[in-house]
Amino acid sequence: MENKVTCKDVENLLQPYLENKLNIEETEILLNHISVCSECGDELEIRYLLMEGLKRLENGETLDLKKELDDRIWHSRQRILFVERARAVIFLVEGAACFLLLVNLILFLVEH
């Protein structure tokens, strides 16, 4: 049975995401949820705008925070894809190693 992620679950991940404190699995949960839940996506955007906007106003910097948040989400998705691909490569390498061990074992048994 699959665990359904609730908005409450995601709400607890929003601030840690903005503070770069989530692991790859938590980040994936958050991004998958906000891709189908506009309310949580809006909440993430509001929190980001408030957090970064206040910092920037204090420093007198220009604001294009919506684009920055979109870029941050895009980079998070790219990181998730990289990890998934790396896991697939590791799985293939492990499979090849097991195959070679099996072939060597068979050859050893045939020779003896």
PDB file of N, CA and C in Angstrom:
ATOM      1  N   MET A   1       0.844  -1.181   0.000  1.00  0.00           N
ATOM      2  CA  MET A   1       0.000   0.000   0.000  1.00  0.00           C
ATOM      3  C   MET A   1       0.888   1.243   0.000  1.00  0.00           C
ATOM      4  N   GLU A   2       0.578   2.177  -0.849  1.00  0.00           N
ATOM      5  CA  GLU A   2       1.381   3.380  -1.009  1.00  0.00           C
ATOM      6  C   GLU A   2       0.954   4.441   0.002  1.00  0.00           C
ATOM      7  N   ASN A   3       1.944   5.098   0.635  1.00  0.00           N
ATOM      8  CA  ASN A   3       1.641   6.184   1.552  1.00  0.00           C
ATOM      9  C   ASN A   3       1.320   7.434   0.759  1.00  0.00           C
ATOM     10  N   LYS A   4       0.174   8.035   1.036  1.00  0.00           N
ATOM     11  CA  LYS A   4      -0.208   9.266   0.358  1.00  0.00           C
ATOM     12  C   LYS A   4       0.355  10.436   1.148  1.00  0.00           C
ATOM     13  N   VAL A   5       1.046  11.307   0.446  1.00  0.00           N
ATOM     14  CA  VAL A   5       1.627  12.485   1.073  1.00  0.00           C
ATOM     15  C   VAL A   5       0.532  13.535   1.201  1.00  0.00           C
ATOM     16  N   THR A   6       0.379  14.066   2.400  1.00  0.00           N
ATOM     17  CA  THR A   6      -0.645  15.083   2.632  1.00  0.00           C
ATOM     18  C   THR A   6      -0.030  16.475   2.578  1.00  0.00           C
ATOM     19  N   CYS A   7      -0.903  17.458   2.475  1.00  0.00           N
ATOM     20  CA  CYS A   7      -0.444  18.850   2.495  1.00  0.00           C
ATOM     21  C   CYS A   7       0.255  19.154   3.821  1.00  0.00           C
ATOM     22  N   LYS A   8      -0.218  18.559   4.896  1.00  0.00           N
ATOM     23  CA  LYS A   8       0.418  18.766   6.204  1.00  0.00           C
ATOM     24  C   LYS A   8       1.840  18.218   6.189  1.00  0.00           C
ATOM     25  N   ASP A   9       2.035  17.052   5.582  1.00  0.00           N
ATOM     26  CA  ASP A   9       3.385  16.489   5.463  1.00  0.00           C
ATOM     27  C   ASP A   9       4.294  17.454   4.714  1.00  0.00           C
ATOM     28  N   VAL A  10       3.786  17.981   3.616  1.00  0.00           N
ATOM     29  CA  VAL A  10       4.581  18.882   2.780  1.00  0.00           C
ATOM     30  C   VAL A  10       4.822  20.204   3.490  1.00  0.00           C
ATOM     31  N   GLU A  11       3.845  20.672   4.236  1.00  0.00           N
ATOM     32  CA  GLU A  11       4.016  21.927   4.982  1.00  0.00           C
ATOM     33  C   GLU A  11       5.232  21.844   5.906  1.00  0.00           C
ATOM     34  N   ASN A  12       5.455  20.675   6.486  1.00  0.00           N
ATOM     35  CA  ASN A  12       6.609  20.489   7.369  1.00  0.00           C
ATOM     36  C   ASN A  12       7.934  20.445   6.614  1.00  0.00           C
ATOM     37  N   LEU A  13       7.879  20.284   5.293  1.00  0.00           N
ATOM     38  CA  LEU A  13       9.096  20.236   4.481  1.00  0.00           C
ATOM     39  C   LEU A  13       9.446  21.580   3.841  1.00  0.00           C
ATOM     40  N   LEU A  14       8.503  22.512   3.826  1.00  0.00           N
ATOM     41  CA  LEU A  14       8.718  23.771   3.105  1.00  0.00           C
ATOM     42  C   LEU A  14       9.908  24.563   3.635  1.00  0.00           C
ATOM     43  N   GLN A  15       9.918  24.844   4.921  1.00  0.00           N
ATOM     44  CA  GLN A  15      11.010  25.653   5.477  1.00  0.00           C
ATOM     45  C   GLN A  15      12.360  24.944   5.371  1.00  0.00           C
ATOM     46  N   PRO A  16      12.432  23.655   5.713  1.00  0.00           N
ATOM     47  CA  PRO A  16      13.715  22.965   5.520  1.00  0.00           C
ATOM     48  C   PRO A  16      14.180  22.991   4.063  1.00  0.00           C
ATOM     49  N   TYR A  17      13.240  22.934   3.110  1.00  0.00           N
ATOM     50  CA  TYR A  17      13.631  23.030   1.698  1.00  0.00           C
ATOM     51  C   TYR A  17      14.265  24.390   1.418  1.00  0.00           C
ATOM     52  N   LEU A  18      13.639  25.436   1.904  1.00  0.00           N
ATOM     53  CA  LEU A  18      14.160  26.784   1.678  1.00  0.00           C
ATOM     54  C   LEU A  18      15.508  26.993   2.360  1.00  0.00           C
ATOM     55  N   GLU A  19      15.767  26.226   3.404  1.00  0.00           N
ATOM     56  CA  GLU A  19      17.045  26.323   4.130  1.00  0.00           C
ATOM     57  C   GLU A  19      18.054  25.271   3.650  1.00  0.00           C
ATOM     58  N   ASN A  20      17.735  24.577   2.554  1.00  0.00           N
ATOM     59  CA  ASN A  20      18.610  23.532   1.986  1.00  0.00           C
ATOM     60  C   ASN A  20      18.938  22.431   2.992  1.00  0.00           C
ATOM     61  N   LYS A  21      17.938  22.009   3.744  1.00  0.00           N
ATOM     62  CA  LYS A  21      18.151  20.992   4.772  1.00  0.00           C
ATOM     63  C   LYS A  21      17.478  19.655   4.458  1.00  0.00           C
ATOM     64  N   LEU A  22      16.883  19.517   3.276  1.00  0.00           N
ATOM     65  CA  LEU A  22      16.218  18.264   2.933  1.00  0.00           C
ATOM     66  C   LEU A  22      17.174  17.325   2.215  1.00  0.00           C
ATOM     67  N   ASN A  23      16.991  16.027   2.448  1.00  0.00           N
ATOM     68  CA  ASN A  23      17.744  15.055   1.655  1.00  0.00           C
ATOM     69  C   ASN A  23      17.040  14.877   0.312  1.00  0.00           C
ATOM     70  N   ILE A  24      17.614  14.081  -0.548  1.00  0.00           N
ATOM     71  CA  ILE A  24      17.095  13.947  -1.914  1.00  0.00           C
ATOM     72  C   ILE A  24      15.693  13.339  -1.926  1.00  0.00           C
ATOM     73  N   GLU A  25      15.414  12.384  -1.042  1.00  0.00           N
ATOM     74  CA  GLU A  25      14.098  11.754  -1.005  1.00  0.00           C
ATOM     75  C   GLU A  25      13.035  12.742  -0.541  1.00  0.00           C
ATOM     76  N   GLU A  26      13.350  13.531   0.486  1.00  0.00           N
ATOM     77  CA  GLU A  26      12.397  14.532   0.966  1.00  0.00           C
ATOM     78  C   GLU A  26      12.153  15.606  -0.090  1.00  0.00           C
ATOM     79  N   THR A  27      13.220  15.995  -0.775  1.00  0.00           N
ATOM     80  CA  THR A  27      13.082  16.991  -1.838  1.00  0.00           C
ATOM     81  C   THR A  27      12.168  16.465  -2.936  1.00  0.00           C
ATOM     82  N   GLU A  28      12.339  15.205  -3.295  1.00  0.00           N
ATOM     83  CA  GLU A  28      11.497  14.610  -4.336  1.00  0.00           C
ATOM     84  C   GLU A  28      10.032  14.568  -3.901  1.00  0.00           C
ATOM     85  N   ILE A  29       9.781  14.225  -2.641  1.00  0.00           N
ATOM     86  CA  ILE A  29       8.410  14.210  -2.118  1.00  0.00           C
ATOM     87  C   ILE A  29       7.793  15.595  -2.244  1.00  0.00           C
ATOM     88  N   LEU A  30       8.538  16.607  -1.812  1.00  0.00           N
ATOM     89  CA  LEU A  30       8.045  17.984  -1.866  1.00  0.00           C
ATOM     90  C   LEU A  30       7.750  18.407  -3.306  1.00  0.00           C
ATOM     91  N   LEU A  31       8.705  18.197  -4.206  1.00  0.00           N
ATOM     92  CA  LEU A  31       8.535  18.649  -5.587  1.00  0.00           C
ATOM     93  C   LEU A  31       7.414  17.900  -6.303  1.00  0.00           C
ATOM     94  N   ASN A  32       7.295  16.608  -6.049  1.00  0.00           N
ATOM     95  CA  ASN A  32       6.188  15.851  -6.653  1.00  0.00           C
ATOM     96  C   ASN A  32       4.846  16.383  -6.170  1.00  0.00           C
ATOM     97  N   HIS A  33       4.765  16.701  -4.887  1.00  0.00           N
ATOM     98  CA  HIS A  33       3.507  17.186  -4.336  1.00  0.00           C
ATOM     99  C   HIS A  33       3.149  18.567  -4.882  1.00  0.00           C
ATOM    100  N   ILE A  34       4.116  19.487  -4.902  1.00  0.00           N
ATOM    101  CA  ILE A  34       3.766  20.838  -5.372  1.00  0.00           C
ATOM    102  C   ILE A  34       3.477  20.865  -6.873  1.00  0.00           C
ATOM    103  N   SER A  35       3.895  19.823  -7.590  1.00  0.00           N
ATOM    104  CA  SER A  35       3.569  19.784  -9.020  1.00  0.00           C
ATOM    105  C   SER A  35       2.092  19.457  -9.249  1.00  0.00           C
ATOM    106  N   VAL A  36       1.422  18.889  -8.245  1.00  0.00           N
ATOM    107  CA  VAL A  36      -0.003  18.566  -8.378  1.00  0.00           C
ATOM    108  C   VAL A  36      -0.887  19.334  -7.397  1.00  0.00           C
ATOM    109  N   CYS A  37      -0.284  20.037  -6.451  1.00  0.00           N
ATOM    110  CA  CYS A  37      -1.051  20.784  -5.447  1.00  0.00           C
ATOM    111  C   CYS A  37      -0.659  22.261  -5.516  1.00  0.00           C
ATOM    112  N   SER A  38      -1.515  23.043  -6.136  1.00  0.00           N
ATOM    113  CA  SER A  38      -1.195  24.462  -6.301  1.00  0.00           C
ATOM    114  C   SER A  38      -1.178  25.203  -4.966  1.00  0.00           C
ATOM    115  N   GLU A  39      -1.966  24.751  -4.005  1.00  0.00           N
ATOM    116  CA  GLU A  39      -1.982  25.422  -2.701  1.00  0.00           C
ATOM    117  C   GLU A  39      -0.619  25.316  -2.016  1.00  0.00           C
ATOM    118  N   CYS A  40      -0.028  24.138  -2.037  1.00  0.00           N
ATOM    119  CA  CYS A  40       1.289  23.965  -1.420  1.00  0.00           C
ATOM    120  C   CYS A  40       2.365  24.679  -2.236  1.00  0.00           C
ATOM    121  N   GLY A  41       2.218  24.673  -3.557  1.00  0.00           N
ATOM    122  CA  GLY A  41       3.145  25.421  -4.399  1.00  0.00           C
ATOM    123  C   GLY A  41       3.078  26.906  -4.101  1.00  0.00           C
ATOM    124  N   ASP A  42       1.857  27.414  -3.926  1.00  0.00           N
ATOM    125  CA  ASP A  42       1.687  28.829  -3.577  1.00  0.00           C
ATOM    126  C   ASP A  42       2.291  29.130  -2.211  1.00  0.00           C
ATOM    127  N   GLU A  43       2.102  28.213  -1.265  1.00  0.00           N
ATOM    128  CA  GLU A  43       2.662  28.412   0.076  1.00  0.00           C
ATOM    129  C   GLU A  43       4.182  28.456   0.029  1.00  0.00           C
ATOM    130  N   LEU A  44       4.794  27.579  -0.761  1.00  0.00           N
ATOM    131  CA  LEU A  44       6.248  27.607  -0.923  1.00  0.00           C
ATOM    132  C   LEU A  44       6.679  28.942  -1.515  1.00  0.00           C
ATOM    133  N   GLU A  45       5.969  29.394  -2.530  1.00  0.00           N
ATOM    134  CA  GLU A  45       6.312  30.665  -3.172  1.00  0.00           C
ATOM    135  C   GLU A  45       6.188  31.830  -2.190  1.00  0.00           C
ATOM    136  N   ILE A  46       5.129  31.856  -1.415  1.00  0.00           N
ATOM    137  CA  ILE A  46       4.929  32.932  -0.434  1.00  0.00           C
ATOM    138  C   ILE A  46       6.051  32.933   0.593  1.00  0.00           C
ATOM    139  N   ARG A  47       6.371  31.756   1.114  1.00  0.00           N
ATOM    140  CA  ARG A  47       7.448  31.687   2.114  1.00  0.00           C
ATOM    141  C   ARG A  47       8.783  32.130   1.526  1.00  0.00           C
ATOM    142  N   TYR A  48       9.048  31.711   0.291  1.00  0.00           N
ATOM    143  CA  TYR A  48      10.302  32.101  -0.355  1.00  0.00           C
ATOM    144  C   TYR A  48      10.339  33.611  -0.579  1.00  0.00           C
ATOM    145  N   LEU A  49       9.251  34.160  -1.081  1.00  0.00           N
ATOM    146  CA  LEU A  49       9.202  35.598  -1.338  1.00  0.00           C
ATOM    147  C   LEU A  49       9.392  36.395  -0.052  1.00  0.00           C
ATOM    148  N   LEU A  50       8.760  35.949   1.015  1.00  0.00           N
ATOM    149  CA  LEU A  50       8.921  36.642   2.301  1.00  0.00           C
ATOM    150  C   LEU A  50      10.349  36.540   2.816  1.00  0.00           C
ATOM    151  N   MET A  51      10.879  35.325   2.820  1.00  0.00           N
ATOM    152  CA  MET A  51      12.220  35.099   3.359  1.00  0.00           C
ATOM    153  C   MET A  51      13.268  35.874   2.564  1.00  0.00           C
ATOM    154  N   GLU A  52      13.275  35.682   1.265  1.00  0.00           N
ATOM    155  CA  GLU A  52      14.284  36.331   0.427  1.00  0.00           C
ATOM    156  C   GLU A  52      13.997  37.814   0.248  1.00  0.00           C
ATOM    157  N   GLY A  53      12.730  38.162   0.137  1.00  0.00           N
ATOM    158  CA  GLY A  53      12.366  39.568  -0.055  1.00  0.00           C
ATOM    159  C   GLY A  53      12.839  40.437   1.086  1.00  0.00           C
ATOM    160  N   LEU A  54      12.659  39.965   2.307  1.00  0.00           N
ATOM    161  CA  LEU A  54      13.111  40.741   3.466  1.00  0.00           C
ATOM    162  C   LEU A  54      14.621  40.903   3.472  1.00  0.00           C
ATOM    163  N   LYS A  55      15.337  39.833   3.142  1.00  0.00           N
ATOM    164  CA  LYS A  55      16.803  39.926   3.077  1.00  0.00           C
ATOM    165  C   LYS A  55      17.228  40.940   2.029  1.00  0.00           C
ATOM    166  N   ARG A  56      16.605  40.876   0.855  1.00  0.00           N
ATOM    167  CA  ARG A  56      17.001  41.743  -0.251  1.00  0.00           C
ATOM    168  C   ARG A  56      16.652  43.198   0.016  1.00  0.00           C
ATOM    169  N   LEU A  57      15.509  43.421   0.634  1.00  0.00           N
ATOM    170  CA  LEU A  57      15.129  44.800   0.939  1.00  0.00           C
ATOM    171  C   LEU A  57      16.118  45.432   1.903  1.00  0.00           C
ATOM    172  N   GLU A  58      16.576  44.644   2.870  1.00  0.00           N
ATOM    173  CA  GLU A  58      17.563  45.150   3.823  1.00  0.00           C
ATOM    174  C   GLU A  58      18.865  45.509   3.123  1.00  0.00           C
ATOM    175  N   ASN A  59      19.234  44.732   2.103  1.00  0.00           N
ATOM    176  CA  ASN A  59      20.481  44.963   1.378  1.00  0.00           C
ATOM    177  C   ASN A  59      20.313  45.901   0.190  1.00  0.00           C
ATOM    178  N   GLY A  60      19.090  46.278  -0.136  1.00  0.00           N
ATOM    179  CA  GLY A  60      18.841  47.155  -1.269  1.00  0.00           C
ATOM    180  C   GLY A  60      19.016  46.486  -2.617  1.00  0.00           C
ATOM    181  N   GLU A  61      18.944  45.152  -2.655  1.00  0.00           N
ATOM    182  CA  GLU A  61      19.123  44.413  -3.909  1.00  0.00           C
ATOM    183  C   GLU A  61      17.826  44.406  -4.717  1.00  0.00           C
ATOM    184  N   THR A  62      17.972  44.184  -6.019  1.00  0.00           N
ATOM    185  CA  THR A  62      16.800  44.079  -6.878  1.00  0.00           C
ATOM    186  C   THR A  62      16.124  42.729  -6.655  1.00  0.00           C
ATOM    187  N   LEU A  63      14.843  42.677  -6.993  1.00  0.00           N
ATOM    188  CA  LEU A  63      14.056  41.482  -6.710  1.00  0.00           C
ATOM    189  C   LEU A  63      13.505  40.859  -7.989  1.00  0.00           C
ATOM    190  N   ASP A  64      13.838  39.619  -8.243  1.00  0.00           N
ATOM    191  CA  ASP A  64      13.174  38.782  -9.239  1.00  0.00           C
ATOM    192  C   ASP A  64      13.047  37.406  -8.590  1.00  0.00           C
ATOM    193  N   LEU A  65      12.360  37.405  -7.464  1.00  0.00           N
ATOM    194  CA  LEU A  65      12.327  36.220  -6.615  1.00  0.00           C
ATOM    195  C   LEU A  65      11.546  35.070  -7.226  1.00  0.00           C
ATOM    196  N   LYS A  66      10.506  35.356  -7.985  1.00  0.00           N
ATOM    197  CA  LYS A  66       9.727  34.280  -8.608  1.00  0.00           C
ATOM    198  C   LYS A  66      10.623  33.469  -9.539  1.00  0.00           C
ATOM    199  N   LYS A  67      11.421  34.147 -10.354  1.00  0.00           N
ATOM    200  CA  LYS A  67      12.341  33.451 -11.256  1.00  0.00           C
ATOM    201  C   LYS A  67      13.383  32.676 -10.460  1.00  0.00           C
ATOM    202  N   GLU A  68      13.878  33.263  -9.379  1.00  0.00           N
ATOM    203  CA  GLU A  68      14.877  32.576  -8.555  1.00  0.00           C
ATOM    204  C   GLU A  68      14.307  31.306  -7.940  1.00  0.00           C
ATOM    205  N   LEU A  69      13.067  31.359  -7.466  1.00  0.00           N
ATOM    206  CA  LEU A  69      12.439  30.159  -6.901  1.00  0.00           C
ATOM    207  C   LEU A  69      12.235  29.115  -7.993  1.00  0.00           C
ATOM    208  N   ASP A  70      11.775  29.546  -9.156  1.00  0.00           N
ATOM    209  CA  ASP A  70      11.615  28.605 -10.271  1.00  0.00           C
ATOM    210  C   ASP A  70      12.954  27.952 -10.621  1.00  0.00           C
ATOM    211  N   ASP A  71      14.028  28.738 -10.633  1.00  0.00           N
ATOM    212  CA  ASP A  71      15.366  28.197 -10.905  1.00  0.00           C
ATOM    213  C   ASP A  71      15.782  27.198  -9.831  1.00  0.00           C
ATOM    214  N   ARG A  72      15.480  27.525  -8.595  1.00  0.00           N
ATOM    215  CA  ARG A  72      15.840  26.637  -7.485  1.00  0.00           C
ATOM    216  C   ARG A  72      15.118  25.298  -7.611  1.00  0.00           C
ATOM    217  N   ILE A  73      13.831  25.354  -7.946  1.00  0.00           N
ATOM    218  CA  ILE A  73      13.051  24.132  -8.125  1.00  0.00           C
ATOM    219  C   ILE A  73      13.599  23.332  -9.303  1.00  0.00           C
ATOM    220  N   TRP A  74      13.943  24.006 -10.404  1.00  0.00           N
ATOM    221  CA  TRP A  74      14.503  23.325 -11.573  1.00  0.00           C
ATOM    222  C   TRP A  74      15.802  22.614 -11.196  1.00  0.00           C
ATOM    223  N   HIS A  75      16.673  23.295 -10.466  1.00  0.00           N
ATOM    224  CA  HIS A  75      17.944  22.681 -10.055  1.00  0.00           C
ATOM    225  C   HIS A  75      17.712  21.493  -9.118  1.00  0.00           C
ATOM    226  N   SER A  76      16.717  21.592  -8.255  1.00  0.00           N
ATOM    227  CA  SER A  76      16.392  20.466  -7.376  1.00  0.00           C
ATOM    228  C   SER A  76      15.948  19.265  -8.199  1.00  0.00           C
ATOM    229  N   ARG A  77      15.129  19.504  -9.205  1.00  0.00           N
ATOM    230  CA  ARG A  77      14.675  18.406 -10.071  1.00  0.00           C
ATOM    231  C   ARG A  77      15.853  17.783 -10.823  1.00  0.00           C
ATOM    232  N   GLN A  78      16.785  18.611 -11.274  1.00  0.00           N
ATOM    233  CA  GLN A  78      17.965  18.099 -11.968  1.00  0.00           C
ATOM    234  C   GLN A  78      18.807  17.229 -11.037  1.00  0.00           C
ATOM    235  N   ARG A  79      18.928  17.649  -9.773  1.00  0.00           N
ATOM    236  CA  ARG A  79      19.679  16.867  -8.791  1.00  0.00           C
ATOM    237  C   ARG A  79      19.016  15.509  -8.568  1.00  0.00           C
ATOM    238  N   ILE A  80      17.690  15.501  -8.502  1.00  0.00           N
ATOM    239  CA  ILE A  80      16.959  14.246  -8.330  1.00  0.00           C
ATOM    240  C   ILE A  80      17.200  13.330  -9.529  1.00  0.00           C
ATOM    241  N   LEU A  81      17.128  13.872 -10.740  1.00  0.00           N
ATOM    242  CA  LEU A  81      17.386  13.069 -11.944  1.00  0.00           C
ATOM    243  C   LEU A  81      18.795  12.499 -11.936  1.00  0.00           C
ATOM    244  N   PHE A  82      19.766  13.310 -11.527  1.00  0.00           N
ATOM    245  CA  PHE A  82      21.149  12.848 -11.464  1.00  0.00           C
ATOM    246  C   PHE A  82      21.281  11.674 -10.498  1.00  0.00           C
ATOM    247  N   VAL A  83      20.678  11.805  -9.324  1.00  0.00           N
ATOM    248  CA  VAL A  83      20.760  10.735  -8.323  1.00  0.00           C
ATOM    249  C   VAL A  83      20.081   9.468  -8.846  1.00  0.00           C
ATOM    250  N   GLU A  84      18.927   9.620  -9.494  1.00  0.00           N
ATOM    251  CA  GLU A  84      18.240   8.445 -10.044  1.00  0.00           C
ATOM    252  C   GLU A  84      19.098   7.757 -11.100  1.00  0.00           C
ATOM    253  N   ARG A  85      19.729   8.542 -11.960  1.00  0.00           N
ATOM    254  CA  ARG A  85      20.594   7.960 -12.994  1.00  0.00           C
ATOM    255  C   ARG A  85      21.814   7.295 -12.371  1.00  0.00           C
ATOM    256  N   ALA A  86      22.387   7.930 -11.363  1.00  0.00           N
ATOM    257  CA  ALA A  86      23.552   7.345 -10.693  1.00  0.00           C
ATOM    258  C   ALA A  86      23.173   6.016 -10.047  1.00  0.00           C
ATOM    259  N   ARG A  87      22.004   5.966  -9.434  1.00  0.00           N
ATOM    260  CA  ARG A  87      21.544   4.712  -8.824  1.00  0.00           C
ATOM    261  C   ARG A  87      21.361   3.629  -9.883  1.00  0.00           C
ATOM    262  N   ALA A  88      20.839   4.003 -11.050  1.00  0.00           N
ATOM    263  CA  ALA A  88      20.650   3.033 -12.130  1.00  0.00           C
ATOM    264  C   ALA A  88      21.992   2.505 -12.623  1.00  0.00           C
ATOM    265  N   VAL A  89      22.973   3.386 -12.762  1.00  0.00           N
ATOM    266  CA  VAL A  89      24.304   2.964 -13.207  1.00  0.00           C
ATOM    267  C   VAL A  89      24.927   2.030 -12.181  1.00  0.00           C
ATOM    268  N   ILE A  90      24.812   2.375 -10.911  1.00  0.00           N
ATOM    269  CA  ILE A  90      25.356   1.524  -9.847  1.00  0.00           C
ATOM    270  C   ILE A  90      24.691   0.148  -9.889  1.00  0.00           C
ATOM    271  N   PHE A  91      23.376   0.133 -10.085  1.00  0.00           N
ATOM    272  CA  PHE A  91      22.652  -1.133 -10.172  1.00  0.00           C
ATOM    273  C   PHE A  91      23.172  -1.975 -11.333  1.00  0.00           C
ATOM    274  N   LEU A  92      23.384  -1.346 -12.493  1.00  0.00           N
ATOM    275  CA  LEU A  92      23.898  -2.073 -13.658  1.00  0.00           C
ATOM    276  C   LEU A  92      25.304  -2.597 -13.415  1.00  0.00           C
ATOM    277  N   VAL A  93      26.148  -1.791 -12.790  1.00  0.00           N
ATOM    278  CA  VAL A  93      27.520  -2.225 -12.496  1.00  0.00           C
ATOM    279  C   VAL A  93      27.501  -3.396 -11.519  1.00  0.00           C
ATOM    280  N   GLU A  94      26.657  -3.306 -10.497  1.00  0.00           N
ATOM    281  CA  GLU A  94      26.547  -4.414  -9.550  1.00  0.00           C
ATOM    282  C   GLU A  94      26.052  -5.676 -10.248  1.00  0.00           C
ATOM    283  N   GLY A  95      25.080  -5.522 -11.143  1.00  0.00           N
ATOM    284  CA  GLY A  95      24.567  -6.672 -11.892  1.00  0.00           C
ATOM    285  C   GLY A  95      25.640  -7.303 -12.761  1.00  0.00           C
ATOM    286  N   ALA A  96      26.427  -6.457 -13.430  1.00  0.00           N
ATOM    287  CA  ALA A  96      27.516  -6.969 -14.271  1.00  0.00           C
ATOM    288  C   ALA A  96      28.555  -7.691 -13.422  1.00  0.00           C
ATOM    289  N   ALA A  97      28.865  -7.147 -12.250  1.00  0.00           N
ATOM    290  CA  ALA A  97      29.840  -7.784 -11.362  1.00  0.00           C
ATOM    291  C   ALA A  97      29.328  -9.151 -10.904  1.00  0.00           C
ATOM    292  N   CYS A  98      28.052  -9.234 -10.555  1.00  0.00           N
ATOM    293  CA  CYS A  98      27.471 -10.517 -10.143  1.00  0.00           C
ATOM    294  C   CYS A  98      27.510 -11.521 -11.294  1.00  0.00           C
ATOM    295  N   PHE A  99      27.210 -11.053 -12.501  1.00  0.00           N
ATOM    296  CA  PHE A  99      27.258 -11.924 -13.670  1.00  0.00           C
ATOM    297  C   PHE A  99      28.666 -12.471 -13.879  1.00  0.00           C
ATOM    298  N   LEU A 100      29.670 -11.595 -13.785  1.00  0.00           N
ATOM    299  CA  LEU A 100      31.057 -12.035 -13.963  1.00  0.00           C
ATOM    300  C   LEU A 100      31.478 -13.018 -12.880  1.00  0.00           C
ATOM    301  N   LEU A 101      31.051 -12.783 -11.648  1.00  0.00           N
ATOM    302  CA  LEU A 101      31.354 -13.729 -10.571  1.00  0.00           C
ATOM    303  C   LEU A 101      30.723 -15.090 -10.848  1.00  0.00           C
ATOM    304  N   LEU A 102      29.496 -15.078 -11.331  1.00  0.00           N
ATOM    305  CA  LEU A 102      28.804 -16.322 -11.648  1.00  0.00           C
ATOM    306  C   LEU A 102      29.512 -17.066 -12.780  1.00  0.00           C
ATOM    307  N   VAL A 103      29.913 -16.349 -13.818  1.00  0.00           N
ATOM    308  CA  VAL A 103      30.639 -16.970 -14.932  1.00  0.00           C
ATOM    309  C   VAL A 103      31.943 -17.569 -14.431  1.00  0.00           C
ATOM    310  N   ASN A 104      32.681 -16.824 -13.607  1.00  0.00           N
ATOM    311  CA  ASN A 104      33.939 -17.342 -13.060  1.00  0.00           C
ATOM    312  C   ASN A 104      33.710 -18.571 -12.194  1.00  0.00           C
ATOM    313  N   LEU A 105      32.657 -18.569 -11.406  1.00  0.00           N
ATOM    314  CA  LEU A 105      32.339 -19.725 -10.571  1.00  0.00           C
ATOM    315  C   LEU A 105      32.027 -20.943 -11.439  1.00  0.00           C
ATOM    316  N   ILE A 106      31.243 -20.747 -12.482  1.00  0.00           N
ATOM    317  CA  ILE A 106      30.908 -21.855 -13.382  1.00  0.00           C
ATOM    318  C   ILE A 106      32.168 -22.391 -14.054  1.00  0.00           C
ATOM    319  N   LEU A 107      33.017 -21.496 -14.538  1.00  0.00           N
ATOM    320  CA  LEU A 107      34.268 -21.928 -15.173  1.00  0.00           C
ATOM    321  C   LEU A 107      35.156 -22.676 -14.187  1.00  0.00           C
ATOM    322  N   PHE A 108      35.209 -22.208 -12.962  1.00  0.00           N
ATOM    323  CA  PHE A 108      36.015 -22.872 -11.932  1.00  0.00           C
ATOM    324  C   PHE A 108      35.482 -24.276 -11.672  1.00  0.00           C
ATOM    325  N   LEU A 109      34.163 -24.395 -11.536  1.00  0.00           N
ATOM    326  CA  LEU A 109      33.558 -25.698 -11.258  1.00  0.00           C
ATOM    327  C   LEU A 109      33.727 -26.655 -12.435  1.00  0.00           C
ATOM    328  N   VAL A 110      33.670 -26.149 -13.650  1.00  0.00           N
ATOM    329  CA  VAL A 110      33.846 -26.994 -14.833  1.00  0.00           C
ATOM    330  C   VAL A 110      35.271 -27.514 -14.905  1.00  0.00           C
ATOM    331  N   GLU A 111      36.237 -26.690 -14.564  1.00  0.00           N
ATOM    332  CA  GLU A 111      37.649 -27.081 -14.633  1.00  0.00           C
ATOM    333  C   GLU A 111      38.040 -28.044 -13.518  1.00  0.00           C
ATOM    334  N   HIS A 112      37.316 -28.053 -12.428  1.00  0.00           N
ATOM    335  CA  HIS A 112      37.699 -28.903 -11.289  1.00  0.00           C
ATOM    336  C   HIS A 112      36.671 -29.939 -11.095  1.00  0.00           C
TER     337      HIS A 112
END
